[in-house]
Amino acid sequence: MNYDYLAGRDMKVFVVEDSAAVRERLVEMIDELSDVEVVGEADAYEAAVNGILETRPDVALLDIRLAEGSGIDVLETVRRTLPDLQGIMLTNYVTPQHLKAAADAGALFFLDKSSDFERIPEILEQLRDGDGSR
């Protein structure tokens, strides 16, 4: 995936996570990156879909299990309108079924919160710099 169109502007990220503490940590991590901007946050399906469609981010960080709904469903829904949106799925539920569902919804990355959480800044920098390789 080439993000040359980002030249001269920040990469926009929307965070979807039902845990306020985890969401706050994600925003802090993203805020430390240059040329990457958090444009919105949500903790449930409807707020996430509405927020993503309104802010039109480049990347969505999505927890699979939300208080209401699923990050997989959010990604599947918003990619109908925003097909270039890059999804990064976060979960504590690393199963083959979740991995397949996330990939089918268009997720570029599937991360285990317990072992991959600290990789998020590196992944966002790769996407920002035009290198979407895993």
C-alpha atoms as a PDB file:
ATOM      1  CA  MET A   1       0.000   0.000   0.000  1.00  0.00           C
ATOM      2  CA  ASN A   2       1.475   3.314  -1.026  1.00  0.00           C
ATOM      3  CA  TYR A   3       0.559   6.368   1.004  1.00  0.00           C
ATOM      4  CA  ASP A   4       2.250   8.956  -1.227  1.00  0.00           C
ATOM      5  CA  TYR A   5      -0.966  10.990  -1.035  1.00  0.00           C
ATOM      6  CA  LEU A   6      -0.106  11.637   2.630  1.00  0.00           C
ATOM      7  CA  ALA A   7       2.826  13.805   1.613  1.00  0.00           C
ATOM      8  CA  GLY A   8       2.483  17.169   3.305  1.00  0.00           C
ATOM      9  CA  ARG A   9      -0.193  16.129   5.787  1.00  0.00           C
ATOM     10  CA  ASP A  10      -0.572  13.981   8.857  1.00  0.00           C
ATOM     11  CA  MET A  11      -1.786  10.413   8.659  1.00  0.00           C
ATOM     12  CA  LYS A  12      -5.178  10.334  10.389  1.00  0.00           C
ATOM     13  CA  VAL A  13      -5.970   7.520  12.838  1.00  0.00           C
ATOM     14  CA  PHE A  14      -9.270   6.615  14.491  1.00  0.00           C
ATOM     15  CA  VAL A  15      -9.139   4.498  17.691  1.00  0.00           C
ATOM     16  CA  VAL A  16     -11.915   2.007  18.532  1.00  0.00           C
ATOM     17  CA  GLU A  17     -11.474   0.387  21.953  1.00  0.00           C
ATOM     18  CA  ASP A  18     -14.005  -0.227  24.718  1.00  0.00           C
ATOM     19  CA  SER A  19     -11.479  -0.061  27.583  1.00  0.00           C
ATOM     20  CA  ALA A  20     -10.904   3.588  28.476  1.00  0.00           C
ATOM     21  CA  ALA A  21      -7.450   2.799  29.903  1.00  0.00           C
ATOM     22  CA  VAL A  22      -6.310   0.951  26.764  1.00  0.00           C
ATOM     23  CA  ARG A  23      -7.814   3.618  24.497  1.00  0.00           C
ATOM     24  CA  GLU A  24      -5.980   6.330  26.450  1.00  0.00           C
ATOM     25  CA  ARG A  25      -2.690   4.429  26.146  1.00  0.00           C
ATOM     26  CA  LEU A  26      -3.185   3.999  22.386  1.00  0.00           C
ATOM     27  CA  VAL A  27      -3.830   7.725  21.961  1.00  0.00           C
ATOM     28  CA  GLU A  28      -0.719   8.532  24.025  1.00  0.00           C
ATOM     29  CA  MET A  29       1.393   6.198  21.865  1.00  0.00           C
ATOM     30  CA  ILE A  30       0.064   7.739  18.663  1.00  0.00           C
ATOM     31  CA  ASP A  31       0.502  11.298  19.932  1.00  0.00           C
ATOM     32  CA  GLU A  32       4.230  10.598  20.328  1.00  0.00           C
ATOM     33  CA  LEU A  33       4.588   9.923  16.587  1.00  0.00           C
ATOM     34  CA  SER A  34       5.381  12.675  14.132  1.00  0.00           C
ATOM     35  CA  ASP A  35       2.970  13.243  11.259  1.00  0.00           C
ATOM     36  CA  VAL A  36       0.318  10.966  12.800  1.00  0.00           C
ATOM     37  CA  GLU A  37      -2.865  12.431  14.284  1.00  0.00           C
ATOM     38  CA  VAL A  38      -5.702  10.850  16.259  1.00  0.00           C
ATOM     39  CA  VAL A  39      -8.892  12.220  14.696  1.00  0.00           C
ATOM     40  CA  GLY A  40     -11.411  10.362  16.828  1.00  0.00           C
ATOM     41  CA  GLU A  41     -12.175   7.702  19.394  1.00  0.00           C
ATOM     42  CA  ALA A  42     -15.084   5.375  20.043  1.00  0.00           C
ATOM     43  CA  ASP A  43     -15.944   2.513  22.373  1.00  0.00           C
ATOM     44  CA  ALA A  44     -18.880   0.873  20.578  1.00  0.00           C
ATOM     45  CA  TYR A  45     -20.035  -0.105  17.077  1.00  0.00           C
ATOM     46  CA  GLU A  46     -22.413   2.756  16.247  1.00  0.00           C
ATOM     47  CA  ALA A  47     -20.137   5.505  17.558  1.00  0.00           C
ATOM     48  CA  ALA A  48     -17.198   3.961  15.703  1.00  0.00           C
ATOM     49  CA  VAL A  49     -18.994   3.703  12.362  1.00  0.00           C
ATOM     50  CA  ASN A  50     -20.347   7.249  12.623  1.00  0.00           C
ATOM     51  CA  GLY A  51     -17.004   8.665  13.764  1.00  0.00           C
ATOM     52  CA  ILE A  52     -14.979   6.930  11.076  1.00  0.00           C
ATOM     53  CA  LEU A  53     -17.354   7.953   8.304  1.00  0.00           C
ATOM     54  CA  GLU A  54     -17.330  11.543   9.579  1.00  0.00           C
ATOM     55  CA  THR A  55     -13.552  11.909  10.063  1.00  0.00           C
ATOM     56  CA  ARG A  56     -12.438   9.725   7.123  1.00  0.00           C
ATOM     57  CA  PRO A  57      -9.170   8.520   8.680  1.00  0.00           C
ATOM     58  CA  ASP A  58      -6.382   6.730   6.848  1.00  0.00           C
ATOM     59  CA  VAL A  59      -6.110   4.030   9.527  1.00  0.00           C
ATOM     60  CA  ALA A  60      -8.484   2.589  12.110  1.00  0.00           C
ATOM     61  CA  LEU A  61      -7.168   0.763  15.177  1.00  0.00           C
ATOM     62  CA  LEU A  62      -9.992  -1.547  16.235  1.00  0.00           C
ATOM     63  CA  ASP A  63     -10.513  -3.824  19.206  1.00  0.00           C
ATOM     64  CA  ILE A  64     -12.352  -6.949  18.091  1.00  0.00           C
ATOM     65  CA  ARG A  65     -14.658  -7.173  21.095  1.00  0.00           C
ATOM     66  CA  LEU A  66     -16.475  -3.985  21.986  1.00  0.00           C
ATOM     67  CA  ALA A  67     -19.055  -3.309  24.684  1.00  0.00           C
ATOM     68  CA  GLU A  68     -21.580  -3.070  21.858  1.00  0.00           C
ATOM     69  CA  GLY A  69     -20.696  -4.853  18.624  1.00  0.00           C
ATOM     70  CA  SER A  70     -17.390  -5.874  17.134  1.00  0.00           C
ATOM     71  CA  GLY A  71     -14.453  -4.095  15.566  1.00  0.00           C
ATOM     72  CA  ILE A  72     -14.607  -6.604  12.718  1.00  0.00           C
ATOM     73  CA  ASP A  73     -18.170  -5.506  11.950  1.00  0.00           C
ATOM     74  CA  VAL A  74     -17.113  -1.854  12.191  1.00  0.00           C
ATOM     75  CA  LEU A  75     -14.321  -2.364   9.662  1.00  0.00           C
ATOM     76  CA  GLU A  76     -16.516  -4.345   7.307  1.00  0.00           C
ATOM     77  CA  THR A  77     -19.206  -1.634   7.417  1.00  0.00           C
ATOM     78  CA  VAL A  78     -16.981   1.420   6.943  1.00  0.00           C
ATOM     79  CA  ARG A  79     -14.857  -0.120   4.180  1.00  0.00           C
ATOM     80  CA  ARG A  80     -17.986  -0.196   1.993  1.00  0.00           C
ATOM     81  CA  THR A  81     -17.755   3.611   1.937  1.00  0.00           C
ATOM     82  CA  LEU A  82     -14.019   3.989   2.583  1.00  0.00           C
ATOM     83  CA  PRO A  83     -12.390   1.088   0.726  1.00  0.00           C
ATOM     84  CA  ASP A  84      -8.864   2.469   1.213  1.00  0.00           C
ATOM     85  CA  LEU A  85      -9.188   2.590   5.005  1.00  0.00           C
ATOM     86  CA  GLN A  86      -6.449   0.484   6.586  1.00  0.00           C
ATOM     87  CA  GLY A  87      -7.596  -1.586   9.542  1.00  0.00           C
ATOM     88  CA  ILE A  88      -5.425  -2.769  12.403  1.00  0.00           C
ATOM     89  CA  MET A  89      -7.226  -5.259  14.627  1.00  0.00           C
ATOM     90  CA  LEU A  90      -6.315  -5.573  18.311  1.00  0.00           C
ATOM     91  CA  THR A  91      -7.479  -8.441  20.461  1.00  0.00           C
ATOM     92  CA  ASN A  92      -6.980 -10.650  23.458  1.00  0.00           C
ATOM     93  CA  TYR A  93      -8.784 -13.380  21.484  1.00  0.00           C
ATOM     94  CA  VAL A  94      -6.259 -14.693  18.993  1.00  0.00           C
ATOM     95  CA  THR A  95      -8.093 -17.528  17.292  1.00  0.00           C
ATOM     96  CA  PRO A  96      -8.046 -18.738  13.697  1.00  0.00           C
ATOM     97  CA  GLN A  97     -11.719 -17.732  13.402  1.00  0.00           C
ATOM     98  CA  HIS A  98     -11.021 -14.151  14.526  1.00  0.00           C
ATOM     99  CA  LEU A  99      -7.981 -13.930  12.260  1.00  0.00           C
ATOM    100  CA  LYS A 100      -9.988 -15.083   9.228  1.00  0.00           C
ATOM    101  CA  ALA A 101     -12.918 -12.775  10.020  1.00  0.00           C
ATOM    102  CA  ALA A 102     -10.561  -9.807  10.442  1.00  0.00           C
ATOM    103  CA  ALA A 103      -8.786 -10.586   7.159  1.00  0.00           C
ATOM    104  CA  ASP A 104     -12.131 -11.014   5.380  1.00  0.00           C
ATOM    105  CA  ALA A 105     -13.206  -7.592   6.699  1.00  0.00           C
ATOM    106  CA  GLY A 106     -10.043  -6.056   5.235  1.00  0.00           C
ATOM    107  CA  ALA A 107      -7.708  -5.826   8.236  1.00  0.00           C
ATOM    108  CA  LEU A 108      -4.108  -5.245   7.234  1.00  0.00           C
ATOM    109  CA  PHE A 109      -2.731  -6.306  10.635  1.00  0.00           C
ATOM    110  CA  PHE A 110      -4.041  -8.579  13.397  1.00  0.00           C
ATOM    111  CA  LEU A 111      -2.320  -7.926  16.724  1.00  0.00           C
ATOM    112  CA  ASP A 112      -2.429  -9.739  20.045  1.00  0.00           C
ATOM    113  CA  LYS A 113      -2.707  -7.091  22.767  1.00  0.00           C
ATOM    114  CA  SER A 114      -0.616  -9.180  25.157  1.00  0.00           C
ATOM    115  CA  SER A 115       2.387  -9.564  22.837  1.00  0.00           C
ATOM    116  CA  ASP A 116       2.071  -7.067  19.958  1.00  0.00           C
ATOM    117  CA  PHE A 117       0.784  -3.902  21.655  1.00  0.00           C
ATOM    118  CA  GLU A 118       4.157  -2.136  21.628  1.00  0.00           C
ATOM    119  CA  ARG A 119       4.481  -2.765  17.854  1.00  0.00           C
ATOM    120  CA  ILE A 120       1.659  -0.321  17.096  1.00  0.00           C
ATOM    121  CA  PRO A 121       3.860   2.808  16.757  1.00  0.00           C
ATOM    122  CA  GLU A 122       6.251   0.941  14.439  1.00  0.00           C
ATOM    123  CA  ILE A 123       3.371  -0.290  12.282  1.00  0.00           C
ATOM    124  CA  LEU A 124       1.839   3.176  12.060  1.00  0.00           C
ATOM    125  CA  GLU A 125       5.220   4.610  11.057  1.00  0.00           C
ATOM    126  CA  GLN A 126       5.528   1.960   8.325  1.00  0.00           C
ATOM    127  CA  LEU A 127       2.085   2.867   7.002  1.00  0.00           C
ATOM    128  CA  ARG A 128       2.838   6.581   7.229  1.00  0.00           C
ATOM    129  CA  ASP A 129       6.083   6.069   5.324  1.00  0.00           C
ATOM    130  CA  GLY A 130       4.378   4.053   2.611  1.00  0.00           C
ATOM    131  CA  ASP A 131       5.512   0.590   3.686  1.00  0.00           C
ATOM    132  CA  GLY A 132       2.477  -1.537   4.468  1.00  0.00           C
ATOM    133  CA  SER A 133       4.439  -4.784   4.570  1.00  0.00           C
ATOM    134  CA  ARG A 134       3.792  -6.968   7.569  1.00  0.00           C
END
